[in-house]
């Protein structure tokens, strides 16, 4: 078997791109699910390190990255993205996996397990987890409250007018992002690559105009009352300044049957980039502890 494979999988609505690194390795594969919705896989590149022992699979969800970009909003539903994940898994014959979801990917992977069951899934890794829109929105408002007054005033002004494309608003958004999305300066190339290939149509439709302004179809989504149904081992991670705050991520940990939690000091939402070595150590140890 070749060490790397790349191609497309036919899913409902089009074709999605995938890449497998370490395809010839014997360990249980790690299937990664990116965030957004619409933020492609590129920023998960550090996870290639696990390909020394096991296949690591990346794919771009429909509507972003290297995948097809249809304009049918009927495709932008949690149910279809769950089916897409299932279709990718079946097409690539991933019978036994470790499953990882970051940000929106945490919601998607959790929904997948709740709807499809946990058969063949050895563990679940949720990084910077989004699992409740009300909780997410409240946490972002708390972070915004710590920004300089001028930035807060700008955000408030343009949120009230709905002029989200104004340059002043976009600059204020970036102040927030550099505190709570990625604190590296400059941002690493893999994050810039992901941003350049964003699927803004799906992001705007399902999420909204910014990370802290949820006007899309996910605005009221919340699966916290169902997480107790997931019994497999779960690892939750976040950064000290993460949009998925330590307090919220710690709370999520208590809702699962078998979960552990790790926070990365000084890091934010992109803690797999900001604290790469420690992140790989923590996740690697968790996977090893599942004896797979």
Protein backbone atom coordinates (compact mmCIF):
# COMPACT_ATOMS: atom_id res chain seq x y z
CA UNK A 1 0.00 0.00 0.00
CA UNK A 2 1.27 3.47 -0.88
CA UNK A 3 2.13 5.80 1.97
CA UNK A 4 -0.12 8.62 0.69
CA UNK A 5 -3.41 8.59 -1.16
CA UNK A 6 -5.50 11.46 -2.47
CA UNK A 7 -8.76 11.59 -4.33
CA UNK A 8 -12.47 12.32 -4.24
CA UNK A 9 -15.50 10.64 -2.70
CA UNK A 10 -18.98 10.98 -4.17
CA UNK A 11 -21.33 12.28 -1.48
CA UNK A 12 -24.82 13.71 -1.46
CA UNK A 13 -24.53 16.96 -3.41
CA UNK A 14 -21.15 16.50 -5.07
CA UNK A 15 -17.61 15.29 -4.58
CA UNK A 16 -15.41 15.85 -1.53
CA UNK A 17 -11.63 15.76 -1.57
CA UNK A 18 -9.65 13.54 0.80
CA UNK A 19 -6.03 12.76 1.59
CA UNK A 20 -4.61 9.85 3.56
CA UNK A 21 -1.12 10.16 5.06
CA UNK A 22 0.55 7.02 6.38
CA UNK A 23 -1.82 4.82 4.41
CA UNK A 24 0.47 1.82 4.82
CA UNK A 25 0.78 2.04 8.61
CA UNK A 26 -0.78 -0.66 10.83
CA UNK A 27 -2.32 1.47 13.62
CA UNK A 28 -6.01 2.30 13.89
CA UNK A 29 -6.67 5.20 11.48
CA UNK A 30 -7.32 8.73 12.70
CA UNK A 31 -10.16 10.42 10.81
CA UNK A 32 -10.10 14.21 11.19
CA UNK A 33 -13.09 16.52 10.78
CA UNK A 34 -12.43 20.24 10.34
CA UNK A 35 -14.39 23.21 11.61
CA UNK A 36 -16.15 26.19 10.13
CA UNK A 37 -18.55 25.22 8.78
CA UNK A 38 -16.47 25.83 5.69
CA UNK A 39 -12.94 26.06 7.15
CA UNK A 40 -10.99 23.40 5.22
CA UNK A 41 -8.50 20.88 6.57
CA UNK A 42 -5.22 22.78 6.05
CA UNK A 43 -4.85 24.02 9.63
CA UNK A 44 -4.89 20.42 10.88
CA UNK A 45 -1.56 19.66 9.17
CA UNK A 46 0.30 19.01 12.48
CA UNK A 47 -1.78 15.86 12.85
CA UNK A 48 0.25 14.33 10.01
CA UNK A 49 2.77 13.51 12.75
CA UNK A 50 0.53 10.61 13.80
CA UNK A 51 1.05 9.03 10.37
CA UNK A 52 4.28 7.53 11.70
CA UNK A 53 2.07 4.87 13.33
CA UNK A 54 -1.34 4.98 11.64
CA UNK A 55 -3.20 6.34 8.63
CA UNK A 56 -4.36 9.93 9.14
CA UNK A 57 -7.29 10.99 6.97
CA UNK A 58 -8.16 14.58 6.08
CA UNK A 59 -11.13 15.67 3.98
CA UNK A 60 -12.69 18.98 3.00
CA UNK A 61 -16.41 19.11 3.66
CA UNK A 62 -18.61 19.95 0.71
CA UNK A 63 -18.61 23.66 -0.04
CA UNK A 64 -15.00 24.46 0.87
CA UNK A 65 -11.36 23.73 0.22
CA UNK A 66 -10.66 21.34 -2.63
CA UNK A 67 -14.17 19.89 -2.62
CA UNK A 68 -17.09 20.83 -4.85
CA UNK A 69 -18.87 24.09 -4.05
CA UNK A 70 -22.53 23.79 -4.98
CA UNK A 71 -24.78 26.77 -4.27
CA UNK A 72 -27.83 24.79 -3.11
CA UNK A 73 -28.52 25.88 0.48
CA UNK A 74 -30.63 22.75 0.97
CA UNK A 75 -27.30 20.91 1.28
CA UNK A 76 -26.14 22.95 4.26
CA UNK A 77 -27.72 20.93 7.05
CA UNK A 78 -26.30 19.02 9.99
CA UNK A 79 -28.05 15.88 8.74
CA UNK A 80 -26.39 16.06 5.32
CA UNK A 81 -22.96 16.69 6.83
CA UNK A 82 -23.47 13.67 9.10
CA UNK A 83 -24.34 11.59 6.02
CA UNK A 84 -21.28 13.00 4.24
CA UNK A 85 -19.02 11.89 7.08
CA UNK A 86 -20.62 8.44 6.94
CA UNK A 87 -20.19 8.29 3.16
CA UNK A 88 -16.50 9.25 3.42
CA UNK A 89 -15.91 6.64 6.10
CA UNK A 90 -17.60 3.88 4.10
CA UNK A 91 -15.95 4.81 0.80
CA UNK A 92 -12.50 4.67 2.40
CA UNK A 93 -13.30 1.43 4.27
CA UNK A 94 -12.56 2.96 7.65
CA UNK A 95 -14.12 0.23 9.75
CA UNK A 96 -12.04 0.97 12.86
CA UNK A 97 -11.09 4.58 13.62
CA UNK A 98 -10.19 7.21 16.13
CA UNK A 99 -12.43 10.20 15.34
CA UNK A 100 -11.35 13.81 15.77
CA UNK A 101 -13.46 16.95 15.41
CA UNK A 102 -12.28 20.53 15.84
CA UNK A 103 -14.61 23.48 16.51
CA UNK A 104 -17.76 22.90 14.39
CA UNK A 105 -16.23 19.49 13.71
CA UNK A 106 -16.87 18.65 17.37
CA UNK A 107 -20.59 19.20 16.85
CA UNK A 108 -20.50 17.21 13.61
CA UNK A 109 -18.59 14.22 15.00
CA UNK A 110 -20.74 14.11 18.13
CA UNK A 111 -23.91 14.25 16.03
CA UNK A 112 -22.48 11.48 13.88
CA UNK A 113 -21.98 9.21 16.89
CA UNK A 114 -25.40 10.06 18.29
CA UNK A 115 -27.13 9.31 14.98
CA UNK A 116 -25.00 6.46 13.61
CA UNK A 117 -23.67 4.84 16.78
CA UNK A 118 -20.13 4.24 18.02
CA UNK A 119 -19.40 0.87 16.39
CA UNK A 120 -15.82 0.78 15.20
CA UNK A 121 -14.95 4.13 16.82
CA UNK A 122 -12.21 3.61 19.41
CA UNK A 123 -12.19 7.17 20.75
CA UNK A 124 -13.38 10.71 20.15
CA UNK A 125 -11.09 13.75 20.28
CA UNK A 126 -12.74 17.18 20.40
CA UNK A 127 -10.50 20.23 20.10
CA UNK A 128 -11.83 23.74 20.70
CA UNK A 129 -15.26 22.10 20.86
CA UNK A 130 -18.44 23.80 19.72
CA UNK A 131 -21.41 21.83 21.12
CA UNK A 132 -23.85 24.57 22.15
CA UNK A 133 -24.64 27.79 20.29
CA UNK A 134 -26.05 29.62 23.33
CA UNK A 135 -22.95 28.72 25.34
CA UNK A 136 -20.65 29.71 22.46
CA UNK A 137 -22.37 33.06 21.95
CA UNK A 138 -22.22 33.90 25.66
CA UNK A 139 -18.53 33.03 25.84
CA UNK A 140 -17.68 35.25 22.87
CA UNK A 141 -19.54 38.18 24.41
CA UNK A 142 -17.50 37.69 27.57
CA UNK A 143 -14.28 37.77 25.53
CA UNK A 144 -15.45 40.85 23.62
CA UNK A 145 -16.02 42.52 26.98
CA UNK A 146 -12.28 42.29 27.61
CA UNK A 147 -11.28 44.02 24.36
CA UNK A 148 -10.31 47.71 24.25
CA UNK A 149 -13.32 50.02 24.47
CA UNK A 150 -12.76 51.39 20.96
CA UNK A 151 -12.86 47.88 19.49
CA UNK A 152 -16.00 47.03 21.45
CA UNK A 153 -17.67 50.23 20.29
CA UNK A 154 -16.83 49.46 16.65
CA UNK A 155 -18.21 45.94 16.90
CA UNK A 156 -21.40 47.20 18.52
CA UNK A 157 -21.85 49.97 15.95
CA UNK A 158 -21.64 47.73 12.91
CA UNK A 159 -23.52 44.84 14.46
CA UNK A 160 -26.44 47.21 15.04
CA UNK A 161 -26.34 48.46 11.46
CA UNK A 162 -25.71 45.01 9.98
CA UNK A 163 -22.86 46.39 7.86
CA UNK A 164 -20.59 43.41 8.39
CA UNK A 165 -18.43 44.12 5.35
CA UNK A 166 -17.30 47.56 6.57
CA UNK A 167 -13.52 47.74 6.78
CA UNK A 168 -13.65 49.10 10.34
CA UNK A 169 -15.77 46.15 11.42
CA UNK A 170 -13.45 43.67 9.73
CA UNK A 171 -10.46 45.25 11.49
CA UNK A 172 -12.23 44.93 14.84
CA UNK A 173 -13.04 41.30 14.08
CA UNK A 174 -9.34 40.66 13.44
CA UNK A 175 -8.45 42.12 16.84
CA UNK A 176 -10.73 39.48 18.37
CA UNK A 177 -9.37 36.72 16.12
CA UNK A 178 -5.76 37.49 17.05
CA UNK A 179 -6.67 37.06 20.69
CA UNK A 180 -8.99 34.07 20.54
CA UNK A 181 -8.61 32.26 17.18
CA UNK A 182 -4.84 32.25 16.74
CA UNK A 183 -2.34 34.22 18.81
CA UNK A 184 0.66 33.50 16.57
CA UNK A 185 2.07 36.52 14.73
CA UNK A 186 2.14 36.17 11.82
CA UNK A 187 -0.42 33.41 11.37
CA UNK A 188 1.20 30.20 10.09
CA UNK A 189 0.90 29.37 6.41
CA UNK A 190 -1.43 26.41 7.01
CA UNK A 191 -3.97 28.71 8.67
CA UNK A 192 -3.65 31.29 5.90
CA UNK A 193 -4.14 28.47 3.40
CA UNK A 194 -7.33 27.38 5.15
CA UNK A 195 -8.66 30.93 5.25
CA UNK A 196 -7.91 31.44 1.54
CA UNK A 197 -9.97 28.34 0.70
CA UNK A 198 -12.85 29.07 3.09
CA UNK A 199 -16.34 28.21 1.98
CA UNK A 200 -17.94 31.52 2.92
CA UNK A 201 -21.33 30.60 1.47
CA UNK A 202 -21.80 27.67 3.83
CA UNK A 203 -20.21 29.59 6.73
CA UNK A 204 -22.55 32.56 6.32
CA UNK A 205 -25.62 30.37 5.81
CA UNK A 206 -25.04 28.04 8.77
CA UNK A 207 -23.00 30.26 11.11
CA UNK A 208 -22.95 33.97 10.37
CA UNK A 209 -20.72 36.93 9.46
CA UNK A 210 -18.13 36.34 12.21
CA UNK A 211 -17.12 33.88 14.89
CA UNK A 212 -19.06 35.82 17.52
CA UNK A 213 -22.14 36.74 15.46
CA UNK A 214 -24.33 33.71 14.88
CA UNK A 215 -27.18 34.55 12.50
CA UNK A 216 -27.26 31.27 10.57
CA UNK A 217 -29.13 27.99 10.88
CA UNK A 218 -26.92 26.83 13.77
CA UNK A 219 -27.87 29.84 15.92
CA UNK A 220 -29.85 27.75 18.42
CA UNK A 221 -28.11 24.37 18.02
CA UNK A 222 -27.31 22.62 21.30
CA UNK A 223 -26.60 18.91 21.84
CA UNK A 224 -25.36 19.07 25.42
CA UNK A 225 -28.38 17.16 26.71
CA UNK A 226 -27.46 14.17 24.52
CA UNK A 227 -23.73 13.86 25.20
CA UNK A 228 -24.29 11.36 28.02
CA UNK A 229 -25.24 8.84 25.34
CA UNK A 230 -21.64 8.72 24.08
CA UNK A 231 -19.80 6.07 26.09
CA UNK A 232 -16.48 5.73 24.24
CA UNK A 233 -13.35 7.48 25.60
CA UNK A 234 -13.39 11.21 24.87
CA UNK A 235 -10.57 13.78 25.02
CA UNK A 236 -11.52 17.46 25.05
CA UNK A 237 -8.85 20.12 24.50
CA UNK A 238 -8.84 23.91 24.40
CA UNK A 239 -6.52 26.85 24.78
CA UNK A 240 -6.44 29.23 27.73
CA UNK A 241 -7.86 32.01 25.51
CA UNK A 242 -9.93 29.72 23.27
CA UNK A 243 -13.31 30.69 21.86
CA UNK A 244 -14.24 27.33 23.39
CA UNK A 245 -13.33 28.58 26.85
CA UNK A 246 -11.70 26.37 29.51
CA UNK A 247 -14.78 26.71 31.74
CA UNK A 248 -17.14 25.61 28.98
CA UNK A 249 -14.88 22.80 27.76
CA UNK A 250 -14.49 21.55 31.33
CA UNK A 251 -18.28 21.61 31.64
CA UNK A 252 -18.64 19.55 28.45
CA UNK A 253 -16.24 17.01 29.92
CA UNK A 254 -18.68 16.36 32.77
CA UNK A 255 -21.49 15.55 30.32
CA UNK A 256 -19.77 12.58 28.69
CA UNK A 257 -19.64 9.16 30.32
CA UNK A 258 -15.87 8.71 29.92
CA UNK A 259 -14.03 11.96 29.17
CA UNK A 260 -10.82 13.77 30.08
CA UNK A 261 -9.92 17.43 29.53
CA UNK A 262 -6.69 19.33 28.81
CA UNK A 263 -6.13 23.07 28.51
CA UNK A 264 -3.08 24.59 26.79
CA UNK A 265 -1.70 27.66 28.61
CA UNK A 266 -1.23 30.76 26.50
CA UNK A 267 -2.98 29.25 23.48
CA UNK A 268 -6.35 29.87 21.83
CA UNK A 269 -8.63 28.15 19.32
CA UNK A 270 -5.73 27.02 17.11
CA UNK A 271 -3.87 25.38 19.98
CA UNK A 272 -2.79 22.52 17.72
CA UNK A 273 -0.67 25.14 15.95
CA UNK A 274 0.23 27.37 18.90
CA UNK A 275 1.23 24.50 21.22
CA UNK A 276 1.98 21.89 18.58
CA UNK A 277 4.46 19.71 20.47
CA UNK A 278 2.36 19.54 23.64
CA UNK A 279 -0.82 18.99 21.63
CA UNK A 280 0.70 16.04 19.77
CA UNK A 281 1.95 14.60 23.07
CA UNK A 282 -1.43 14.90 24.79
CA UNK A 283 -3.43 13.51 21.88
CA UNK A 284 -0.87 10.81 21.18
CA UNK A 285 -0.93 9.65 24.80
CA UNK A 286 -4.73 9.58 24.79
CA UNK A 287 -4.80 7.44 21.65
CA UNK A 288 -2.16 5.14 23.12
CA UNK A 289 -4.16 4.81 26.34
CA UNK A 290 -7.06 3.36 24.34
CA UNK A 291 -4.66 0.54 23.37
CA UNK A 292 -5.31 1.03 19.68
